[in-house]
Protein backbone atom coordinates (compact mmCIF):
# COMPACT_ATOMS: atom_id res chain seq x y z
CA MET A 1 -145.73 119.60 -19.51
CA GLY A 2 -149.33 118.40 -19.89
CA LEU A 3 -151.07 116.23 -22.55
CA ARG A 4 -149.57 113.10 -20.86
CA VAL A 5 -146.00 113.99 -21.53
CA LEU A 6 -143.96 112.92 -18.60
CA GLU A 7 -142.50 115.53 -16.44
CA PRO A 8 -138.82 115.56 -15.84
CA SER A 9 -137.63 114.59 -12.34
CA ARG A 10 -135.19 117.35 -12.28
CA SER A 11 -135.24 121.13 -13.03
CA GLU A 12 -133.01 121.27 -16.10
CA HIS A 13 -134.29 122.35 -19.56
CA VAL A 14 -135.60 119.54 -21.53
CA PRO A 15 -134.41 119.70 -25.07
CA GLY A 16 -137.17 120.70 -27.59
CA THR A 17 -139.61 122.05 -25.02
CA SER A 18 -140.15 125.75 -26.04
CA PHE A 19 -142.89 128.53 -25.85
CA VAL A 20 -144.44 129.27 -29.22
CA TYR A 21 -147.15 131.61 -27.99
CA ASP A 22 -146.25 134.48 -25.73
CA ASP A 23 -148.26 133.31 -22.63
CA ALA A 24 -148.72 129.94 -21.03
CA SER A 25 -151.95 130.83 -19.25
CA ARG A 26 -153.96 132.26 -22.36
CA PRO A 27 -153.87 132.53 -26.14
CA ALA A 28 -151.35 135.09 -27.43
CA GLN A 29 -153.99 137.19 -29.07
CA GLU A 30 -155.36 138.18 -25.74
CA GLY A 31 -152.08 140.11 -24.84
CA GLU A 32 -149.51 142.25 -26.66
CA PRO A 33 -146.31 140.50 -27.86
CA ASP A 34 -143.35 141.13 -25.64
CA SER A 35 -140.92 143.54 -27.30
CA ARG A 36 -137.82 141.59 -26.01
CA LEU A 37 -138.45 138.61 -28.18
CA LYS A 38 -138.70 138.18 -31.92
CA TYR A 39 -142.05 137.04 -33.33
CA ASP A 40 -143.77 135.94 -36.45
CA THR A 41 -146.46 138.43 -36.88
CA SER A 42 -147.67 137.39 -40.23
CA GLY A 43 -150.73 135.55 -38.91
CA ARG A 44 -153.56 136.49 -36.55
CA VAL A 45 -151.62 135.18 -33.49
CA PRO A 46 -148.01 136.44 -32.85
CA ILE A 47 -145.74 133.43 -32.58
CA ILE A 48 -142.39 133.43 -30.74
CA LEU A 49 -139.67 132.52 -33.18
CA VAL A 50 -137.95 129.33 -32.19
CA PRO A 51 -134.90 129.36 -32.42
CA GLN A 52 -134.50 133.07 -32.02
CA PRO A 53 -132.66 134.58 -35.06
CA SER A 54 -129.34 136.49 -34.47
CA ASP A 55 -128.72 139.94 -35.78
CA ASP A 56 -126.36 138.64 -38.46
CA PRO A 57 -127.73 139.11 -42.01
CA ASN A 58 -125.99 135.99 -42.99
CA ASP A 59 -128.03 133.89 -40.51
CA PRO A 60 -130.23 131.75 -42.82
CA LEU A 61 -133.16 132.46 -40.38
CA ASN A 62 -132.99 136.17 -41.39
CA TRP A 63 -133.21 135.34 -45.11
CA PRO A 64 -136.50 136.07 -46.77
CA LEU A 65 -138.84 133.15 -46.80
CA TRP A 66 -138.94 133.01 -50.62
CA LYS A 67 -135.14 132.64 -50.65
CA ARG A 68 -135.22 129.77 -48.14
CA ASP A 69 -138.06 128.12 -50.10
CA VAL A 70 -136.04 128.50 -53.32
CA ILE A 71 -133.24 126.62 -51.69
CA LEU A 72 -135.49 123.90 -50.34
CA VAL A 73 -137.04 123.43 -53.72
CA ILE A 74 -133.73 123.06 -55.39
CA LEU A 75 -132.59 120.58 -52.89
CA SER A 76 -135.86 118.70 -53.26
CA ILE A 77 -135.52 118.42 -57.02
CA ILE A 78 -131.88 117.19 -56.88
CA SER A 79 -133.08 114.68 -54.13
CA VAL A 80 -135.68 113.38 -56.44
CA ILE A 81 -133.26 112.69 -59.01
CA ALA A 82 -130.73 111.26 -56.52
CA SER A 83 -133.38 109.10 -54.99
CA THR A 84 -133.96 107.55 -58.26
CA LEU A 85 -130.59 105.66 -57.96
CA SER A 86 -131.53 103.12 -55.24
CA PRO A 87 -134.50 101.55 -57.21
CA LEU A 88 -132.93 102.15 -60.64
CA LEU A 89 -132.71 98.41 -61.36
CA ALA A 90 -135.98 97.37 -59.68
CA ALA A 91 -138.04 96.88 -62.76
CA ASN A 92 -135.06 95.45 -64.61
CA THR A 93 -133.84 92.74 -62.23
CA VAL A 94 -134.82 89.71 -64.19
CA THR A 95 -133.91 91.24 -67.50
CA LEU A 96 -130.45 92.16 -66.37
CA SER A 97 -130.10 88.85 -64.67
CA LEU A 98 -130.42 87.10 -68.19
CA LEU A 99 -128.25 89.71 -69.73
CA PHE A 100 -125.33 89.44 -67.27
CA SER A 101 -125.83 85.65 -66.70
CA ARG A 102 -126.16 86.20 -62.95
CA ASP A 103 -128.62 84.78 -60.45
CA PHE A 104 -131.39 86.87 -58.99
CA THR A 105 -129.56 87.47 -55.67
CA GLN A 106 -126.44 88.68 -57.40
CA MET A 107 -128.40 91.24 -59.32
CA ALA A 108 -130.29 92.21 -56.19
CA LEU A 109 -126.91 92.93 -54.64
CA LEU A 110 -126.28 95.65 -57.18
CA THR A 111 -128.87 97.51 -55.11
CA GLY A 112 -127.50 96.10 -51.78
CA TYR A 113 -123.91 97.22 -52.28
CA HIS A 114 -125.31 100.64 -53.52
CA LEU A 115 -127.11 101.03 -50.22
CA CYS A 116 -123.94 99.98 -48.41
CA GLY A 117 -122.13 102.90 -50.16
CA VAL A 118 -124.75 105.32 -48.93
CA GLY A 119 -124.41 104.18 -45.28
CA VAL A 120 -120.60 104.23 -45.26
CA ALA A 121 -120.23 107.54 -47.08
CA GLY A 122 -122.92 109.19 -45.04
CA PHE A 123 -120.97 108.06 -41.94
CA LEU A 124 -118.10 110.28 -43.05
CA PHE A 125 -120.04 113.05 -44.84
CA VAL A 126 -122.05 114.00 -41.74
CA ALA A 127 -118.91 114.68 -39.66
CA SER A 128 -117.69 116.83 -42.51
CA ALA A 129 -120.98 118.69 -42.50
CA ARG A 130 -120.68 119.33 -38.78
CA VAL A 131 -117.15 120.80 -39.19
CA TRP A 132 -117.42 122.74 -42.61
CA GLY A 133 -121.01 122.90 -43.42
CA LYS A 134 -123.22 121.14 -46.05
CA ARG A 135 -122.69 123.03 -49.23
CA HIS A 136 -119.32 121.31 -50.37
CA LEU A 137 -121.13 118.02 -49.83
CA TYR A 138 -123.96 118.90 -51.98
CA LEU A 139 -121.65 119.96 -54.72
CA LEU A 140 -119.49 116.82 -54.32
CA GLY A 141 -122.58 114.55 -54.21
CA THR A 142 -124.01 116.00 -57.61
CA VAL A 143 -120.68 115.67 -59.29
CA LEU A 144 -120.27 111.98 -58.16
CA ILE A 145 -123.77 111.13 -59.31
CA ILE A 146 -123.01 112.58 -62.85
CA VAL A 147 -119.77 110.73 -63.17
CA SER A 148 -120.94 107.34 -61.68
CA SER A 149 -124.21 107.39 -63.73
CA ALA A 150 -122.26 107.95 -66.92
CA TRP A 151 -119.98 105.13 -65.93
CA GLY A 152 -122.85 102.76 -65.12
CA GLY A 153 -124.40 103.29 -68.52
CA ALA A 154 -121.17 102.68 -70.26
CA SER A 155 -120.50 99.38 -68.34
CA GLY A 156 -121.91 97.12 -70.99
CA THR A 157 -122.14 93.59 -69.69
CA ASN A 158 -119.22 93.98 -67.13
CA TYR A 159 -120.76 93.11 -63.83
CA LYS A 160 -117.79 94.33 -61.69
CA SER A 161 -117.72 97.78 -63.49
CA LEU A 162 -121.50 98.18 -62.97
CA LEU A 163 -121.22 97.14 -59.42
CA TRP A 164 -118.52 99.77 -58.65
CA ALA A 165 -120.46 102.47 -60.50
CA ARG A 166 -123.50 101.41 -58.32
CA ILE A 167 -121.32 101.92 -55.20
CA ILE A 168 -120.04 105.30 -56.18
CA GLN A 169 -123.69 106.33 -57.06
CA GLY A 170 -124.45 105.50 -53.41
CA VAL A 171 -121.64 107.69 -52.28
CA GLY A 172 -123.03 110.55 -54.38
CA LEU A 173 -126.59 109.92 -52.93
CA ALA A 174 -125.36 110.08 -49.30
CA PRO A 175 -125.17 113.87 -48.82
CA PHE A 176 -128.81 114.38 -50.01
CA GLU A 177 -130.18 111.32 -48.02
CA ALA A 178 -128.26 112.43 -44.85
CA LEU A 179 -128.43 116.24 -44.86
CA VAL A 180 -131.35 117.70 -46.67
CA ASN A 181 -133.60 117.08 -43.61
CA ALA A 182 -131.05 118.68 -41.34
CA SER A 183 -130.99 121.70 -43.80
CA VAL A 184 -134.69 122.03 -43.09
CA GLY A 185 -133.75 122.59 -39.36
CA ASP A 186 -131.14 125.04 -40.54
CA LEU A 187 -133.55 127.20 -42.66
CA TYR A 188 -136.81 127.29 -40.67
CA PHE A 189 -138.30 127.94 -37.41
CA VAL A 190 -140.19 125.31 -35.47
CA HIS A 191 -143.64 126.43 -36.71
CA GLU A 192 -142.56 126.38 -40.36
CA ARG A 193 -140.89 123.15 -40.59
CA GLY A 194 -143.91 120.57 -40.80
CA LYS A 195 -144.92 121.08 -44.41
CA ARG A 196 -141.19 121.54 -45.59
CA MET A 197 -140.06 118.43 -43.84
CA ALA A 198 -142.96 116.67 -45.58
CA LEU A 199 -141.79 118.08 -49.01
CA SER A 200 -138.19 117.09 -48.37
CA ASN A 201 -139.22 113.54 -47.34
CA LEU A 202 -141.55 113.39 -50.47
CA ALA A 203 -138.52 114.26 -52.57
CA LEU A 204 -136.40 111.62 -51.04
CA PHE A 205 -139.00 108.80 -51.18
CA GLY A 206 -141.45 109.92 -53.83
CA GLY A 207 -138.91 109.95 -56.49
CA ALA A 208 -137.70 106.43 -55.68
CA PHE A 209 -141.25 105.17 -56.57
CA PHE A 210 -141.68 107.04 -59.70
CA THR A 211 -138.42 105.81 -61.26
CA PRO A 212 -139.33 102.08 -61.95
CA ILE A 213 -142.49 103.44 -63.87
CA LEU A 214 -140.03 105.05 -66.26
CA VAL A 215 -137.16 102.69 -66.16
CA GLY A 216 -139.38 99.66 -67.37
CA LYS A 217 -140.42 101.65 -70.39
CA ILE A 218 -136.89 103.05 -71.04
CA THR A 219 -135.38 99.65 -70.92
CA HIS A 220 -137.98 98.13 -73.21
CA THR A 221 -137.71 100.98 -75.83
CA ILE A 222 -134.09 102.38 -75.93
CA GLY A 223 -132.16 99.88 -73.54
CA TRP A 224 -131.36 99.87 -69.89
CA PRO A 225 -128.14 102.10 -70.08
CA TRP A 226 -130.29 104.99 -70.89
CA SER A 227 -131.79 104.83 -67.44
CA PHE A 228 -128.31 105.76 -66.06
CA TYR A 229 -127.62 108.39 -68.78
CA PHE A 230 -130.77 110.27 -68.04
CA VAL A 231 -129.77 110.53 -64.37
CA ALA A 232 -126.38 111.93 -65.58
CA ILE A 233 -128.12 114.47 -67.83
CA PHE A 234 -130.69 115.75 -65.26
CA CYS A 235 -128.04 116.05 -62.53
CA GLY A 236 -125.81 117.93 -64.91
CA ALA A 237 -128.71 120.36 -65.55
CA MET A 238 -129.08 120.79 -61.70
CA LEU A 239 -125.50 121.45 -61.00
CA PRO A 240 -125.49 125.11 -61.96
CA LEU A 241 -128.51 125.70 -59.64
CA ILE A 242 -126.76 124.04 -56.84
CA ILE A 243 -123.61 126.18 -57.36
CA PHE A 244 -125.42 129.66 -57.74
CA PHE A 245 -128.57 129.23 -55.73
CA VAL A 246 -127.84 127.01 -52.74
CA PRO A 247 -125.56 128.84 -50.31
CA GLU A 248 -124.34 127.34 -47.10
CA THR A 249 -127.39 126.63 -44.69
CA ALA A 250 -125.27 125.79 -41.65
CA PHE A 251 -124.69 128.79 -39.34
CA ARG A 252 -122.66 129.13 -36.10
CA ARG A 253 -125.32 130.88 -33.97
CA ASP A 254 -124.71 132.03 -30.43
CA HIS A 255 -125.96 129.09 -28.27
CA SER A 256 -128.35 131.30 -26.29
CA LEU A 257 -130.38 132.07 -29.28
CA ASN A 258 -131.20 128.26 -29.75
CA THR A 259 -134.17 128.51 -27.41
CA ASP A 260 -135.41 125.03 -28.33
CA ILE A 261 -132.06 123.62 -26.95
CA THR A 262 -131.09 125.98 -24.09
CA GLY A 263 -132.63 126.25 -20.74
CA GLU A 264 -132.23 128.12 -17.36
CA ASP A 265 -129.44 125.87 -16.42
CA SER A 266 -127.17 127.18 -19.14
CA ALA A 267 -125.53 129.84 -16.89
CA GLN A 268 -123.49 127.10 -15.36
CA HIS A 269 -121.82 126.64 -18.81
CA GLY A 270 -120.89 130.33 -19.08
CA ILE A 271 -123.60 130.84 -21.83
CA ALA A 272 -126.33 133.55 -21.58
CA LEU A 273 -129.49 131.73 -21.92
CA ASN A 274 -131.44 134.94 -21.16
CA SER A 275 -129.57 137.45 -23.48
CA LEU A 276 -132.68 137.72 -25.48
CA VAL A 277 -134.03 140.40 -23.03
CA GLU A 278 -132.95 143.79 -21.91
CA ASN A 279 -130.48 144.35 -19.05
CA GLY A 280 -131.84 145.26 -15.83
CA ILE A 281 -134.89 143.01 -15.74
CA PRO A 282 -135.02 141.34 -12.19
CA SER A 283 -135.16 137.67 -11.96
CA LYS A 284 -138.38 136.16 -11.01
CA THR A 285 -139.17 133.24 -8.66
CA ILE A 286 -139.38 130.10 -10.72
CA ILE A 287 -142.40 128.01 -9.98
CA GLU A 288 -142.90 124.28 -10.61
CA ASN A 289 -144.42 124.69 -14.04
CA GLY A 290 -141.49 126.61 -15.50
CA GLN A 291 -143.44 129.91 -15.56
CA SER A 292 -142.58 133.02 -13.45
CA PRO A 293 -145.31 134.75 -11.54
CA ASN A 294 -146.98 137.65 -13.14
CA SER A 295 -144.91 137.31 -16.28
CA SER A 296 -145.84 136.34 -19.79
CA ILE A 297 -142.26 135.32 -20.63
CA PRO A 298 -140.86 131.97 -20.01
CA THR A 299 -138.21 131.87 -17.26
CA SER A 300 -135.59 130.48 -19.73
CA PHE A 301 -135.92 133.79 -21.56
CA GLU A 302 -135.50 136.09 -18.57
CA LYS A 303 -132.25 137.78 -17.60
CA GLN A 304 -130.36 135.99 -14.77
CA PRO A 305 -127.54 137.11 -12.68
CA GLY A 306 -124.15 136.28 -14.01
CA SER A 307 -125.20 135.51 -17.49
CA VAL A 308 -123.18 136.69 -20.51
CA SER A 309 -124.84 138.55 -23.21
CA GLY A 310 -125.19 136.47 -26.36
CA GLY A 311 -126.78 139.15 -28.53
CA ASN A 312 -125.07 141.38 -31.05
CA SER A 313 -124.30 144.94 -30.49
CA PRO A 314 -124.82 147.19 -33.55
CA SER A 315 -121.10 147.50 -33.90
CA SER A 316 -120.50 143.83 -33.90
CA VAL A 317 -122.98 142.97 -36.51
CA PRO A 318 -121.06 141.35 -39.48
CA ARG A 319 -121.28 142.60 -42.93
CA LYS A 320 -123.55 140.66 -45.40
CA ALA A 321 -121.66 138.27 -47.60
CA THR A 322 -121.42 139.12 -51.11
CA PHE A 323 -122.84 136.97 -53.88
CA VAL A 324 -119.42 135.80 -54.97
CA GLN A 325 -118.53 134.78 -51.33
CA THR A 326 -121.63 132.75 -51.17
CA LEU A 327 -120.38 130.70 -54.17
CA LEU A 328 -117.46 129.29 -52.16
CA PRO A 329 -117.81 125.64 -51.21
CA PHE A 330 -116.59 126.62 -47.56
CA ASN A 331 -117.22 129.60 -45.51
CA GLY A 332 -115.52 128.69 -42.18
CA ARG A 333 -115.71 126.01 -39.53
CA LYS A 334 -119.10 125.45 -37.83
CA THR A 335 -117.48 123.85 -34.82
CA ASP A 336 -114.09 123.69 -33.21
CA GLU A 337 -114.33 119.90 -32.46
CA SER A 338 -112.12 117.43 -34.08
CA PHE A 339 -113.38 115.78 -37.43
CA PHE A 340 -112.32 112.34 -36.22
CA LYS A 341 -114.10 112.61 -32.90
CA LEU A 342 -117.22 113.68 -34.83
CA VAL A 343 -116.93 110.63 -37.11
CA LEU A 344 -117.21 108.45 -34.05
CA ARG A 345 -119.81 110.47 -32.16
CA PRO A 346 -122.95 108.92 -33.76
CA LEU A 347 -122.17 105.38 -32.64
CA PRO A 348 -123.22 105.94 -28.96
CA LEU A 349 -126.38 107.55 -30.16
CA PHE A 350 -127.83 104.23 -31.22
CA LEU A 351 -128.45 103.70 -27.44
CA HIS A 352 -130.25 106.95 -27.27
CA PRO A 353 -134.02 106.11 -26.80
CA ALA A 354 -135.18 109.03 -29.09
CA VAL A 355 -132.60 108.03 -31.92
CA LEU A 356 -133.23 104.26 -31.66
CA TRP A 357 -136.95 104.83 -31.83
CA ALA A 358 -136.53 107.06 -34.99
CA CYS A 359 -134.30 104.38 -36.53
CA LEU A 360 -136.98 101.71 -36.02
CA ILE A 361 -139.99 103.90 -37.09
CA GLN A 362 -138.24 105.04 -40.28
CA GLY A 363 -135.68 102.51 -41.09
CA ALA A 364 -137.81 99.28 -40.68
CA LEU A 365 -140.56 100.27 -42.90
CA ILE A 366 -138.09 101.53 -45.39
CA GLY A 367 -136.40 98.18 -45.35
CA TRP A 368 -139.61 96.31 -45.80
CA THR A 369 -140.25 98.60 -48.90
CA VAL A 370 -136.86 97.82 -50.41
CA MET A 371 -137.60 94.12 -49.80
CA ILE A 372 -140.89 94.38 -51.66
CA GLY A 373 -139.14 96.13 -54.57
CA VAL A 374 -136.60 93.54 -54.64
CA VAL A 375 -138.98 90.62 -54.98
CA LEU A 376 -141.64 92.42 -56.96
CA ALA A 377 -140.31 91.47 -60.32
CA ALA A 378 -139.92 87.80 -59.23
CA ILE A 379 -143.49 87.69 -58.16
CA PHE A 380 -145.04 89.23 -61.22
CA LEU A 381 -142.71 88.30 -64.07
CA GLY A 382 -143.29 84.63 -63.48
CA PRO A 383 -146.69 82.66 -63.56
CA PRO A 384 -149.56 83.28 -63.62
CA LEU A 385 -149.37 86.98 -64.82
CA TRP A 386 -146.10 86.82 -66.81
CA PHE A 387 -145.46 90.60 -66.66
CA ASP A 388 -142.73 92.06 -68.64
CA GLU A 389 -140.33 94.90 -67.44
CA VAL A 390 -142.76 97.61 -68.66
CA GLN A 391 -145.75 96.16 -66.81
CA THR A 392 -143.68 95.48 -63.67
CA GLY A 393 -142.54 99.10 -63.86
CA TYR A 394 -146.11 100.27 -63.98
CA MET A 395 -146.70 98.36 -60.65
CA TYR A 396 -144.90 101.23 -58.94
CA THR A 397 -147.66 103.62 -59.93
CA GLY A 398 -149.53 102.71 -56.73
CA PRO A 399 -146.46 103.24 -54.44
CA PHE A 400 -145.89 106.70 -56.00
CA VAL A 401 -149.41 107.64 -55.41
CA GLY A 402 -149.13 106.35 -51.77
CA ALA A 403 -145.83 108.50 -51.39
CA VAL A 404 -147.73 111.56 -52.71
CA LEU A 405 -150.71 110.99 -50.45
CA GLY A 406 -148.39 110.31 -47.51
CA PHE A 407 -146.75 113.77 -48.14
CA LEU A 408 -150.12 115.51 -48.22
CA PHE A 409 -151.33 113.95 -45.13
CA ALA A 410 -148.03 114.47 -43.22
CA GLY A 411 -147.97 118.13 -44.28
CA LEU A 412 -151.49 118.77 -43.32
CA LEU A 413 -151.44 116.76 -40.10
CA SER A 414 -147.96 117.69 -38.73
CA ASP A 415 -148.44 121.41 -38.24
CA TRP A 416 -152.17 121.46 -37.74
CA SER A 417 -152.04 118.69 -35.03
CA ALA A 418 -149.13 120.40 -33.21
CA LYS A 419 -150.83 123.64 -33.24
CA ILE A 420 -153.92 122.31 -31.74
CA MET A 421 -151.91 120.59 -28.97
CA ILE A 422 -149.87 123.80 -28.32
CA ARG A 423 -153.08 125.60 -27.53
CA ARG A 424 -154.25 122.72 -25.28
CA ASN A 425 -150.85 122.87 -23.53
CA LYS A 426 -151.06 126.46 -22.84
CA GLY A 427 -148.73 127.86 -25.40
CA VAL A 428 -145.95 125.40 -24.81
CA PHE A 429 -144.63 123.06 -27.71
CA GLU A 430 -143.42 119.57 -27.01
CA PRO A 431 -141.58 117.63 -29.67
CA GLU A 432 -143.73 114.56 -28.72
CA PHE A 433 -146.64 116.26 -30.52
CA ARG A 434 -144.89 115.09 -33.70
CA ILE A 435 -145.31 111.41 -32.75
CA VAL A 436 -149.06 111.56 -33.41
CA LEU A 437 -148.18 110.81 -37.13
CA VAL A 438 -147.15 107.35 -35.98
CA ALA A 439 -150.77 106.49 -35.35
CA ALA A 440 -151.57 106.94 -38.95
CA GLN A 441 -148.47 104.91 -39.95
CA LEU A 442 -149.61 102.08 -37.65
CA VAL A 443 -153.09 101.90 -39.32
CA VAL A 444 -152.07 102.52 -43.02
CA GLY A 445 -148.57 101.02 -43.08
CA CYS A 446 -149.27 97.88 -41.32
CA ALA A 447 -152.53 97.25 -43.23
CA GLY A 448 -150.39 97.64 -46.26
CA LEU A 449 -147.98 94.93 -45.23
CA TYR A 450 -150.66 92.47 -44.10
CA GLY A 451 -152.68 93.08 -47.34
CA PHE A 452 -149.62 92.78 -49.62
CA GLY A 453 -148.78 89.41 -48.14
CA ILE A 454 -152.27 88.03 -48.45
CA THR A 455 -152.88 89.32 -52.06
CA ALA A 456 -149.32 88.74 -53.48
CA ASP A 457 -149.40 85.20 -52.15
CA LYS A 458 -152.39 84.48 -54.65
CA VAL A 459 -151.90 86.80 -57.47
CA GLY A 460 -153.94 84.42 -59.68
CA LYS A 461 -156.86 85.02 -57.48
CA TYR A 462 -156.52 88.81 -56.55
CA GLY A 463 -154.74 89.89 -59.76
CA TRP A 464 -152.27 92.90 -59.99
CA PHE A 465 -154.57 95.57 -58.51
CA TRP A 466 -154.83 94.58 -54.95
CA PRO A 467 -151.12 93.90 -54.34
CA ASP A 468 -150.39 97.40 -55.94
CA PHE A 469 -153.04 98.98 -53.70
CA PHE A 470 -151.56 97.50 -50.50
CA TYR A 471 -148.05 98.38 -51.61
CA ALA A 472 -149.39 101.87 -51.90
CA LEU A 473 -150.65 101.88 -48.36
CA GLU A 474 -147.44 100.58 -47.06
CA VAL A 475 -145.51 103.38 -48.82
CA MET A 476 -147.91 105.95 -47.43
CA GLY A 477 -147.23 104.56 -43.96
CA MET A 478 -143.61 104.82 -44.64
CA VAL A 479 -143.59 108.49 -45.69
CA LEU A 480 -145.85 109.29 -42.45
CA GLY A 481 -143.31 107.58 -40.21
CA ALA A 482 -140.25 109.15 -42.01
CA VAL A 483 -141.75 112.68 -41.52
CA ALA A 484 -142.87 112.03 -37.92
CA SER A 485 -139.41 110.57 -36.79
CA ALA A 486 -137.47 113.37 -38.76
CA LEU A 487 -139.46 116.16 -37.26
CA TYR A 488 -139.16 114.65 -33.64
CA ILE A 489 -135.50 114.44 -34.05
CA VAL A 490 -135.18 117.99 -35.44
CA ASP A 491 -137.41 119.50 -32.72
CA ALA A 492 -136.42 117.43 -29.75
CA HIS A 493 -132.53 117.07 -30.41
CA ARG A 494 -131.60 119.73 -32.94
CA GLU A 495 -128.14 120.02 -31.37
CA ILE A 496 -127.50 116.43 -32.42
CA ALA A 497 -129.70 116.21 -35.34
CA VAL A 498 -126.87 115.64 -37.87
CA GLU A 499 -125.47 112.78 -35.88
CA ALA A 500 -129.00 111.38 -35.31
CA PHE A 501 -129.83 111.47 -39.06
CA THR A 502 -126.31 109.71 -39.44
CA CYS A 503 -127.65 106.85 -37.41
CA LEU A 504 -130.92 106.73 -39.37
CA LEU A 505 -128.99 106.76 -42.52
CA ILE A 506 -126.68 103.82 -41.39
CA PHE A 507 -129.55 101.80 -39.88
CA LYS A 508 -131.97 102.01 -42.86
CA ASN A 509 -129.27 101.33 -45.50
CA MET A 510 -127.51 98.46 -43.69
CA PHE A 511 -130.92 97.03 -42.81
CA SER A 512 -132.02 97.22 -46.34
CA PHE A 513 -128.58 95.69 -47.52
CA GLY A 514 -129.30 92.81 -45.35
CA LEU A 515 -132.80 92.23 -46.69
CA THR A 516 -131.56 92.52 -50.31
CA TRP A 517 -128.91 89.67 -49.51
CA GLY A 518 -131.57 87.29 -48.29
CA ALA A 519 -135.06 88.54 -49.19
CA TYR A 520 -135.57 86.19 -52.15
CA HIS A 521 -134.43 83.05 -50.41
CA TRP A 522 -136.40 83.93 -47.37
CA LEU A 523 -139.53 84.18 -49.59
CA VAL A 524 -138.87 81.00 -51.31
CA SER A 525 -138.34 79.04 -48.20
CA GLY A 526 -140.97 80.65 -45.88
CA GLY A 527 -143.62 81.63 -48.46
CA ILE A 528 -144.98 85.09 -49.20
CA LEU A 529 -147.96 84.93 -46.81
CA LYS A 530 -145.99 83.62 -43.73
CA VAL A 531 -143.12 86.05 -44.28
CA PHE A 532 -145.30 89.15 -44.53
CA TYR A 533 -147.36 88.12 -41.54
CA VAL A 534 -144.14 88.09 -39.55
CA ILE A 535 -143.05 91.47 -41.08
CA ALA A 536 -146.29 93.13 -40.56
CA SER A 537 -146.61 91.97 -36.94
CA VAL A 538 -143.10 93.13 -36.17
CA GLN A 539 -143.97 96.69 -37.56
CA VAL A 540 -146.96 96.81 -35.30
CA GLY A 541 -144.79 96.18 -32.40
CA ILE A 542 -142.34 99.05 -33.56
CA CYS A 543 -145.19 101.47 -33.87
CA LEU A 544 -146.46 100.78 -30.46
CA LEU A 545 -142.99 101.78 -29.01
CA SER A 546 -144.22 105.39 -29.67
CA ILE A 547 -146.50 105.01 -26.50
CA PRO A 548 -143.63 104.87 -24.11
CA MET A 549 -141.79 107.56 -26.25
CA CYS A 550 -144.59 110.00 -25.31
CA LYS A 551 -143.95 109.21 -21.63
CA ILE A 552 -140.10 109.25 -21.80
CA LYS A 553 -139.16 112.94 -21.90
CA SER A 554 -135.52 111.99 -21.62
CA THR A 555 -133.39 113.91 -19.32
CA ILE A 556 -130.76 111.25 -18.54
CA PHE A 557 -129.71 110.55 -22.07
CA PRO A 558 -129.20 114.08 -23.21
CA LEU A 559 -126.98 114.68 -20.15
CA TRP A 560 -125.18 111.38 -20.88
CA TYR A 561 -124.51 112.50 -24.33
CA LEU A 562 -123.46 115.95 -23.46
CA SER A 563 -120.81 114.46 -21.01
CA TYR A 564 -119.63 112.15 -23.89
CA ARG A 565 -119.06 115.17 -25.99
């Protein structure tokens, strides 16, 4: 495998490992592309399409790039709006505490139970997405956000009514938080995903930090209910775009075309791994490095005896769906498996090393970010700065800038670094190449946590700027880690990506819920400096887990999981 990625001890195909250039021994431009495979020839170097698209015109991978990008932009915009829900009360916490005559922890739990709603709903929605696709959930989520936001704004001073509105808002947010990243995997080839995954993560996280900047001013000028009403209005405006321009992205493709998942051992399952090539090509002897002698084609793409063709003959190519058909919320089952079995399937994945690593890399720093947001008002609304809700809202300018910078760096580094390592690895792509981004998270994110603890502990000495600066660094690190973990899951384990994202959804929201429950009391009893020293040190340890992840090219756990399935 090269580049210090551990070789598997057995000969089965390792999930995610795939050829991106047409020859493992030299750059692709030195030879002609093989006519038996489908390539992206838009650039100087022909790139093997991974996964290979089918001949079905309804396959999202066959749609024009502009159409796929339009879908992603619409999903990203609605994700920005949906992601405003979680921090919707961040700048108002103390103000609403006085209005509702509730203590600080009870007001923080309006966010905590909202996150609980996201976690529980996501658990069910992801199984539904596996069976019936994602479109119906995007429609349902948008409608729920509209209704619950109007409800929340009309709650007055009824705490229980507002609490239930917040929970339903969490249910509406769940499809976007759980499935948009998986839709990137549906719509794009491996070499196209980096920048798009960064965009989807910016939409999910960047909007969350822009919200309090506006909410503080809205609350101060026209009242806090309008922060809810505006969400309902903007989501209502987006609903027609979801209905008419976001068709189903999930597609039931022949397993043999998923070349980032399949390998030379698939014939034992009765699936043609090598149906991508013409009949009559003799099998070559497989040598240790996975490349057949005198061939520019990976052995996993060659025709083997006894394999069943997975391609489409011209007579069997389905007709293109009409525009009216694409408007339906359902277009058939995506799997024959039981919904109830799929509901329970993510639970064992918490023991999968890749999924557990992704949960920690993404979920922990998101939890610390939520914790800072919960206590930020308490730190700056009191002495010595005496910020009001408007000034507290403006404190989220730094985190928003950090999220944007994190998106830019992630988008630039993810594909650029992967291409360099592919060339150094003789044309072979390894999902572990995505883990490089965690090095940036270690430096930037952990520096932000340490710095925030030091400066926020003595705001009288350091003022508002330095805590805000280090908060921006922490958020930048969070985005880098979120992109790295999401890309790794999609690239290494795309066949279980939806279940893996369910695990991430559950972990980060339940972890954040626990922090909202006890964050304020923890800081009061332990002190800001000590608590953030502990948090930052824990995050350093989590980032260092990426070192063994680059060495563990798991072969035991994918097989264990497939046997569970």
